[in-house]
Amino acid sequence: MHKITSTQAKQEFGDVILRSQSSPISVTKNGKPVVVILSEKEYQALKLQSLRAALIEGEQSGDAGELNIQDIKNKARKQFIDAQNP
């Protein structure tokens, strides 16, 4: 993953957008990673992967209970966020 500073991101935003289409870009501020810029296609793929993982986990738990799509989405969102912050 390519890394740039927040100052570089501001100065080269158009270029950053273009480069993010082929590979995620980590943006740092004061030497610490603060955000990752990635393509819409890759973002949607990650969301779908998280949703699938949440559904599989629910299926395998043997205790499906009442299916609630909002609970499933919330769990997928949490897994997605947790995966981004190891």
N, C-alpha and C. Protein backbone atom coordinates (compact mmCIF):
# COMPACT_ATOMS: atom_id res chain seq x y z
N MET A 1 0.84 -1.17 0.00
CA MET A 1 0.00 0.00 0.00
C MET A 1 0.89 1.24 0.00
N HIS A 2 0.56 2.16 -0.86
CA HIS A 2 1.32 3.41 -0.97
C HIS A 2 0.96 4.32 0.21
N LYS A 3 1.94 5.04 0.76
CA LYS A 3 1.71 5.95 1.88
C LYS A 3 2.07 7.36 1.47
N ILE A 4 1.21 8.32 1.89
CA ILE A 4 1.49 9.73 1.65
C ILE A 4 1.07 10.52 2.89
N THR A 5 1.56 11.73 2.99
CA THR A 5 1.18 12.60 4.10
C THR A 5 -0.13 13.31 3.76
N SER A 6 -0.79 13.83 4.78
CA SER A 6 -2.04 14.57 4.54
C SER A 6 -1.78 15.82 3.69
N THR A 7 -0.63 16.42 3.86
CA THR A 7 -0.27 17.59 3.04
C THR A 7 -0.16 17.20 1.57
N GLN A 8 0.52 16.06 1.31
CA GLN A 8 0.63 15.59 -0.07
C GLN A 8 -0.75 15.28 -0.64
N ALA A 9 -1.61 14.67 0.17
CA ALA A 9 -2.96 14.32 -0.29
C ALA A 9 -3.72 15.57 -0.71
N LYS A 10 -3.59 16.64 0.07
CA LYS A 10 -4.27 17.90 -0.28
C LYS A 10 -3.71 18.49 -1.57
N GLN A 11 -2.39 18.49 -1.68
CA GLN A 11 -1.75 19.12 -2.83
C GLN A 11 -1.94 18.33 -4.12
N GLU A 12 -2.09 17.02 -4.00
CA GLU A 12 -2.14 16.14 -5.18
C GLU A 12 -3.45 15.35 -5.23
N PHE A 13 -4.56 15.95 -4.77
CA PHE A 13 -5.80 15.20 -4.60
C PHE A 13 -6.27 14.50 -5.87
N GLY A 14 -6.22 15.18 -7.00
CA GLY A 14 -6.64 14.56 -8.27
C GLY A 14 -5.81 13.33 -8.59
N ASP A 15 -4.52 13.43 -8.40
CA ASP A 15 -3.62 12.31 -8.65
C ASP A 15 -3.88 11.18 -7.65
N VAL A 16 -4.15 11.54 -6.40
CA VAL A 16 -4.43 10.55 -5.36
C VAL A 16 -5.67 9.74 -5.74
N ILE A 17 -6.69 10.43 -6.21
CA ILE A 17 -7.91 9.74 -6.64
C ILE A 17 -7.60 8.75 -7.76
N LEU A 18 -6.84 9.18 -8.73
CA LEU A 18 -6.48 8.29 -9.85
C LEU A 18 -5.68 7.08 -9.37
N ARG A 19 -4.69 7.31 -8.50
CA ARG A 19 -3.86 6.21 -8.00
C ARG A 19 -4.66 5.25 -7.13
N SER A 20 -5.66 5.76 -6.42
CA SER A 20 -6.46 4.89 -5.54
C SER A 20 -7.30 3.89 -6.33
N GLN A 21 -7.45 4.10 -7.62
CA GLN A 21 -8.22 3.17 -8.43
C GLN A 21 -7.48 1.86 -8.65
N SER A 22 -6.17 1.88 -8.49
CA SER A 22 -5.39 0.66 -8.69
C SER A 22 -4.86 0.07 -7.39
N SER A 23 -4.78 0.89 -6.34
CA SER A 23 -4.25 0.41 -5.07
C SER A 23 -4.64 1.37 -3.96
N PRO A 24 -5.02 0.86 -2.78
CA PRO A 24 -5.35 1.75 -1.67
C PRO A 24 -4.16 2.63 -1.28
N ILE A 25 -4.45 3.80 -0.75
CA ILE A 25 -3.42 4.74 -0.35
C ILE A 25 -3.62 5.08 1.12
N SER A 26 -2.60 4.89 1.92
CA SER A 26 -2.64 5.24 3.34
C SER A 26 -2.18 6.68 3.50
N VAL A 27 -2.99 7.47 4.22
CA VAL A 27 -2.65 8.87 4.45
C VAL A 27 -2.26 9.03 5.92
N THR A 28 -1.11 9.67 6.14
CA THR A 28 -0.63 9.87 7.51
C THR A 28 -0.72 11.35 7.88
N LYS A 29 -0.87 11.58 9.17
CA LYS A 29 -0.84 12.95 9.71
C LYS A 29 0.04 12.89 10.94
N ASN A 30 1.03 13.76 10.99
CA ASN A 30 2.01 13.75 12.08
C ASN A 30 2.65 12.37 12.23
N GLY A 31 2.88 11.71 11.11
CA GLY A 31 3.56 10.43 11.12
C GLY A 31 2.69 9.23 11.48
N LYS A 32 1.41 9.45 11.74
CA LYS A 32 0.53 8.36 12.13
C LYS A 32 -0.54 8.14 11.06
N PRO A 33 -0.84 6.87 10.72
CA PRO A 33 -1.88 6.61 9.72
C PRO A 33 -3.25 7.05 10.24
N VAL A 34 -3.98 7.79 9.40
CA VAL A 34 -5.29 8.30 9.82
C VAL A 34 -6.43 7.88 8.90
N VAL A 35 -6.13 7.57 7.65
CA VAL A 35 -7.19 7.23 6.70
C VAL A 35 -6.60 6.44 5.54
N VAL A 36 -7.45 5.63 4.93
CA VAL A 36 -7.07 4.91 3.72
C VAL A 36 -8.03 5.32 2.61
N ILE A 37 -7.48 5.67 1.48
CA ILE A 37 -8.30 6.04 0.33
C ILE A 37 -8.28 4.86 -0.63
N LEU A 38 -9.47 4.38 -0.99
CA LEU A 38 -9.54 3.26 -1.91
C LEU A 38 -10.68 3.48 -2.90
N SER A 39 -10.65 2.73 -3.97
CA SER A 39 -11.66 2.89 -5.02
C SER A 39 -13.03 2.46 -4.51
N GLU A 40 -14.07 2.99 -5.13
CA GLU A 40 -15.44 2.62 -4.80
C GLU A 40 -15.64 1.12 -5.03
N LYS A 41 -15.07 0.60 -6.09
CA LYS A 41 -15.19 -0.83 -6.40
C LYS A 41 -14.61 -1.69 -5.27
N GLU A 42 -13.43 -1.31 -4.79
CA GLU A 42 -12.80 -2.07 -3.72
C GLU A 42 -13.57 -1.92 -2.40
N TYR A 43 -14.08 -0.74 -2.14
CA TYR A 43 -14.89 -0.50 -0.94
C TYR A 43 -16.14 -1.38 -0.95
N GLN A 44 -16.84 -1.43 -2.08
CA GLN A 44 -18.04 -2.25 -2.18
C GLN A 44 -17.70 -3.73 -2.01
N ALA A 45 -16.57 -4.16 -2.54
CA ALA A 45 -16.15 -5.56 -2.39
C ALA A 45 -15.88 -5.89 -0.93
N LEU A 46 -15.26 -4.98 -0.20
CA LEU A 46 -15.01 -5.19 1.23
C LEU A 46 -16.31 -5.25 2.02
N LYS A 47 -17.26 -4.38 1.69
CA LYS A 47 -18.56 -4.41 2.36
C LYS A 47 -19.26 -5.74 2.12
N LEU A 48 -19.24 -6.20 0.88
CA LEU A 48 -19.87 -7.47 0.54
C LEU A 48 -19.19 -8.63 1.27
N GLN A 49 -17.88 -8.61 1.33
CA GLN A 49 -17.12 -9.65 2.03
C GLN A 49 -17.49 -9.68 3.52
N SER A 50 -17.63 -8.51 4.14
CA SER A 50 -18.00 -8.44 5.55
C SER A 50 -19.41 -8.97 5.77
N LEU A 51 -20.32 -8.62 4.88
CA LEU A 51 -21.70 -9.11 5.00
C LEU A 51 -21.75 -10.62 4.86
N ARG A 52 -21.02 -11.15 3.89
CA ARG A 52 -20.98 -12.61 3.71
C ARG A 52 -20.41 -13.31 4.94
N ALA A 53 -19.35 -12.74 5.51
CA ALA A 53 -18.74 -13.34 6.70
C ALA A 53 -19.73 -13.34 7.86
N ALA A 54 -20.48 -12.25 8.02
CA ALA A 54 -21.46 -12.17 9.10
C ALA A 54 -22.58 -13.21 8.89
N LEU A 55 -23.01 -13.37 7.65
CA LEU A 55 -24.05 -14.35 7.35
C LEU A 55 -23.57 -15.78 7.61
N ILE A 56 -22.35 -16.08 7.19
CA ILE A 56 -21.79 -17.42 7.40
C ILE A 56 -21.63 -17.68 8.89
N GLU A 57 -21.15 -16.71 9.63
CA GLU A 57 -20.98 -16.89 11.07
C GLU A 57 -22.34 -17.16 11.73
N GLY A 58 -23.35 -16.44 11.30
CA GLY A 58 -24.69 -16.66 11.84
C GLY A 58 -25.22 -18.04 11.52
N GLU A 59 -24.99 -18.47 10.29
CA GLU A 59 -25.42 -19.81 9.87
C GLU A 59 -24.72 -20.89 10.68
N GLN A 60 -23.45 -20.72 10.92
CA GLN A 60 -22.65 -21.73 11.60
C GLN A 60 -22.87 -21.73 13.11
N SER A 61 -23.44 -20.67 13.64
CA SER A 61 -23.64 -20.60 15.09
C SER A 61 -24.71 -21.58 15.56
N GLY A 62 -25.60 -21.96 14.66
CA GLY A 62 -26.66 -22.89 15.03
C GLY A 62 -27.75 -22.22 15.84
N ASP A 63 -27.62 -20.94 16.09
CA ASP A 63 -28.62 -20.22 16.86
C ASP A 63 -29.02 -18.97 16.08
N ALA A 64 -29.66 -19.21 14.95
CA ALA A 64 -30.02 -18.09 14.08
C ALA A 64 -31.05 -17.18 14.73
N GLY A 65 -31.96 -17.73 15.49
CA GLY A 65 -32.99 -16.91 16.11
C GLY A 65 -33.76 -16.16 15.05
N GLU A 66 -34.25 -15.00 15.39
CA GLU A 66 -34.99 -14.18 14.43
C GLU A 66 -33.99 -13.42 13.56
N LEU A 67 -34.17 -13.49 12.26
CA LEU A 67 -33.28 -12.77 11.35
C LEU A 67 -33.72 -11.32 11.26
N ASN A 68 -32.77 -10.44 11.51
CA ASN A 68 -33.03 -9.01 11.46
C ASN A 68 -31.96 -8.39 10.58
N ILE A 69 -32.35 -7.88 9.43
CA ILE A 69 -31.39 -7.37 8.46
C ILE A 69 -30.56 -6.24 9.04
N GLN A 70 -31.14 -5.40 9.89
CA GLN A 70 -30.37 -4.30 10.48
C GLN A 70 -29.28 -4.83 11.39
N ASP A 71 -29.58 -5.88 12.19
CA ASP A 71 -28.57 -6.50 13.04
C ASP A 71 -27.45 -7.10 12.19
N ILE A 72 -27.82 -7.73 11.09
CA ILE A 72 -26.82 -8.32 10.19
C ILE A 72 -25.92 -7.23 9.61
N LYS A 73 -26.53 -6.14 9.16
CA LYS A 73 -25.74 -5.03 8.61
C LYS A 73 -24.81 -4.43 9.66
N ASN A 74 -25.33 -4.25 10.88
CA ASN A 74 -24.50 -3.69 11.96
C ASN A 74 -23.30 -4.58 12.26
N LYS A 75 -23.54 -5.89 12.30
CA LYS A 75 -22.45 -6.82 12.58
C LYS A 75 -21.42 -6.80 11.45
N ALA A 76 -21.91 -6.75 10.21
CA ALA A 76 -21.00 -6.69 9.06
C ALA A 76 -20.18 -5.40 9.10
N ARG A 77 -20.83 -4.28 9.44
CA ARG A 77 -20.14 -3.00 9.53
C ARG A 77 -19.05 -3.05 10.60
N LYS A 78 -19.37 -3.66 11.76
CA LYS A 78 -18.39 -3.78 12.84
C LYS A 78 -17.21 -4.63 12.40
N GLN A 79 -17.49 -5.75 11.72
CA GLN A 79 -16.40 -6.61 11.25
C GLN A 79 -15.54 -5.87 10.24
N PHE A 80 -16.17 -5.07 9.39
CA PHE A 80 -15.44 -4.30 8.40
C PHE A 80 -14.51 -3.29 9.08
N ILE A 81 -15.02 -2.59 10.08
CA ILE A 81 -14.23 -1.60 10.81
C ILE A 81 -13.11 -2.28 11.57
N ASP A 82 -13.41 -3.42 12.22
CA ASP A 82 -12.38 -4.16 12.96
C ASP A 82 -11.27 -4.64 12.03
N ALA A 83 -11.65 -5.05 10.82
CA ALA A 83 -10.65 -5.52 9.85
C ALA A 83 -9.73 -4.39 9.39
N GLN A 84 -10.25 -3.16 9.39
CA GLN A 84 -9.45 -2.01 8.98
C GLN A 84 -8.51 -1.52 10.06
N ASN A 85 -8.79 -1.91 11.32
CA ASN A 85 -7.98 -1.46 12.46
C ASN A 85 -7.46 -2.65 13.24
N PRO A 86 -6.51 -3.41 12.67
CA PRO A 86 -6.02 -4.62 13.35
C PRO A 86 -5.26 -4.31 14.62
